[in-house]
Amino acid sequence: MTRSLPSILALVLLAFPRLASACVGCREPGSDTVASEPQTVMAGFGFSWGVLIMLGCVMAIVAGLVVLICTTVARVDRAHRSS
């Protein structure tokens, strides 16, 4: 079963290459053609920026946690050395 799942996914991607290679903003529901409408293109840009902003928020939270952990560990180490 574990070997057949990647094979099935590969077959699906090979069966629909145009859909597999198009981004979400380039596909229209129910059609296989690339959209050239300005609204669809702008929706794709909005989707891309939304993903980038969400990734930035996650990275900012993780960076804040790393700074908090490092400062706490350094403070505890200094307190332990002075004792």
C-alpha atoms as a PDB file:
ATOM      1  CA  MET A   1       0.000   0.000   0.000  1.00  0.00           C
ATOM      2  CA  THR A   2       2.771   2.455   0.837  1.00  0.00           C
ATOM      3  CA  ARG A   3       4.472   1.877  -2.521  1.00  0.00           C
ATOM      4  CA  SER A   4       1.276   2.200  -4.519  1.00  0.00           C
ATOM      5  CA  LEU A   5       0.295   5.632  -3.121  1.00  0.00           C
ATOM      6  CA  PRO A   6       3.178   7.539  -4.754  1.00  0.00           C
ATOM      7  CA  SER A   7       2.519   5.667  -7.994  1.00  0.00           C
ATOM      8  CA  ILE A   8      -1.141   6.654  -7.950  1.00  0.00           C
ATOM      9  CA  LEU A   9      -0.256  10.294  -7.257  1.00  0.00           C
ATOM     10  CA  ALA A  10       2.279  10.286 -10.091  1.00  0.00           C
ATOM     11  CA  LEU A  11      -0.293   8.837 -12.489  1.00  0.00           C
ATOM     12  CA  VAL A  12      -2.847  11.477 -11.523  1.00  0.00           C
ATOM     13  CA  LEU A  13      -0.312  14.268 -12.071  1.00  0.00           C
ATOM     14  CA  LEU A  14       0.706  12.797 -15.418  1.00  0.00           C
ATOM     15  CA  ALA A  15      -2.920  12.407 -16.506  1.00  0.00           C
ATOM     16  CA  PHE A  16      -3.665  16.110 -15.914  1.00  0.00           C
ATOM     17  CA  PRO A  17      -0.392  17.981 -16.591  1.00  0.00           C
ATOM     18  CA  ARG A  18      -2.002  21.334 -17.337  1.00  0.00           C
ATOM     19  CA  LEU A  19      -3.975  21.315 -14.088  1.00  0.00           C
ATOM     20  CA  ALA A  20      -1.007  20.059 -12.107  1.00  0.00           C
ATOM     21  CA  SER A  21       1.272  22.826 -13.372  1.00  0.00           C
ATOM     22  CA  ALA A  22      -1.199  25.713 -13.051  1.00  0.00           C
ATOM     23  CA  CYS A  23      -1.384  27.763  -9.889  1.00  0.00           C
ATOM     24  CA  VAL A  24      -4.690  28.321  -8.096  1.00  0.00           C
ATOM     25  CA  GLY A  25      -5.141  31.775  -9.590  1.00  0.00           C
ATOM     26  CA  CYS A  26      -4.674  30.477 -13.153  1.00  0.00           C
ATOM     27  CA  ARG A  27      -7.349  27.766 -13.004  1.00  0.00           C
ATOM     28  CA  GLU A  28     -11.022  28.455 -13.443  1.00  0.00           C
ATOM     29  CA  PRO A  29     -13.609  26.079 -12.008  1.00  0.00           C
ATOM     30  CA  GLY A  30     -14.750  23.604 -14.617  1.00  0.00           C
ATOM     31  CA  SER A  31     -12.250  24.487 -17.312  1.00  0.00           C
ATOM     32  CA  ASP A  32      -8.756  23.412 -18.268  1.00  0.00           C
ATOM     33  CA  THR A  33      -7.733  26.698 -19.857  1.00  0.00           C
ATOM     34  CA  VAL A  34      -5.459  29.346 -18.413  1.00  0.00           C
ATOM     35  CA  ALA A  35      -7.452  32.381 -17.390  1.00  0.00           C
ATOM     36  CA  SER A  36      -6.518  35.771 -18.761  1.00  0.00           C
ATOM     37  CA  GLU A  37      -9.116  37.831 -16.928  1.00  0.00           C
ATOM     38  CA  PRO A  38      -7.643  40.613 -14.765  1.00  0.00           C
ATOM     39  CA  GLN A  39      -9.826  39.631 -11.802  1.00  0.00           C
ATOM     40  CA  THR A  40      -8.505  36.081 -11.826  1.00  0.00           C
ATOM     41  CA  VAL A  41      -4.914  37.259 -12.122  1.00  0.00           C
ATOM     42  CA  MET A  42      -5.382  39.693  -9.238  1.00  0.00           C
ATOM     43  CA  ALA A  43      -6.960  36.909  -7.170  1.00  0.00           C
ATOM     44  CA  GLY A  44      -3.820  34.866  -7.787  1.00  0.00           C
ATOM     45  CA  PHE A  45      -1.613  37.742  -6.624  1.00  0.00           C
ATOM     46  CA  GLY A  46      -3.775  38.160  -3.534  1.00  0.00           C
ATOM     47  CA  PHE A  47      -3.543  34.467  -2.789  1.00  0.00           C
ATOM     48  CA  SER A  48       0.241  34.540  -3.127  1.00  0.00           C
ATOM     49  CA  TRP A  49       0.644  37.567  -0.865  1.00  0.00           C
ATOM     50  CA  GLY A  50      -1.738  36.038   1.678  1.00  0.00           C
ATOM     51  CA  VAL A  51       0.390  32.902   1.854  1.00  0.00           C
ATOM     52  CA  LEU A  52       3.581  34.952   2.230  1.00  0.00           C
ATOM     53  CA  ILE A  53       2.078  37.063   5.020  1.00  0.00           C
ATOM     54  CA  MET A  54       0.882  33.974   6.889  1.00  0.00           C
ATOM     55  CA  LEU A  55       4.334  32.371   6.584  1.00  0.00           C
ATOM     56  CA  GLY A  56       5.891  35.610   7.840  1.00  0.00           C
ATOM     57  CA  CYS A  57       3.611  35.580  10.892  1.00  0.00           C
ATOM     58  CA  VAL A  58       4.548  31.994  11.688  1.00  0.00           C
ATOM     59  CA  MET A  59       8.248  32.786  11.324  1.00  0.00           C
ATOM     60  CA  ALA A  60       7.885  35.865  13.567  1.00  0.00           C
ATOM     61  CA  ILE A  61       6.193  33.789  16.274  1.00  0.00           C
ATOM     62  CA  VAL A  62       8.859  31.079  16.088  1.00  0.00           C
ATOM     63  CA  ALA A  63      11.635  33.706  16.187  1.00  0.00           C
ATOM     64  CA  GLY A  64      10.025  35.321  19.230  1.00  0.00           C
ATOM     65  CA  LEU A  65       9.857  31.967  21.003  1.00  0.00           C
ATOM     66  CA  VAL A  66      13.521  31.261  20.191  1.00  0.00           C
ATOM     67  CA  VAL A  67      14.566  34.661  21.597  1.00  0.00           C
ATOM     68  CA  LEU A  68      12.468  34.070  24.722  1.00  0.00           C
ATOM     69  CA  ILE A  69      13.968  30.621  25.278  1.00  0.00           C
ATOM     70  CA  CYS A  70      17.532  31.857  24.705  1.00  0.00           C
ATOM     71  CA  THR A  71      17.180  34.798  27.106  1.00  0.00           C
ATOM     72  CA  THR A  72      15.560  32.612  29.760  1.00  0.00           C
ATOM     73  CA  VAL A  73      18.287  29.977  29.479  1.00  0.00           C
ATOM     74  CA  ALA A  74      21.001  32.661  29.668  1.00  0.00           C
ATOM     75  CA  ARG A  75      19.368  34.234  32.741  1.00  0.00           C
ATOM     76  CA  VAL A  76      19.075  30.874  34.500  1.00  0.00           C
ATOM     77  CA  ASP A  77      22.693  30.049  33.610  1.00  0.00           C
ATOM     78  CA  ARG A  78      23.916  33.373  35.035  1.00  0.00           C
ATOM     79  CA  ALA A  79      21.884  32.832  38.214  1.00  0.00           C
ATOM     80  CA  HIS A  80      23.264  29.293  38.559  1.00  0.00           C
ATOM     81  CA  ARG A  81      26.884  30.430  38.092  1.00  0.00           C
ATOM     82  CA  SER A  82      26.607  33.235  40.656  1.00  0.00           C
ATOM     83  CA  SER A  83      25.203  30.873  43.298  1.00  0.00           C
END
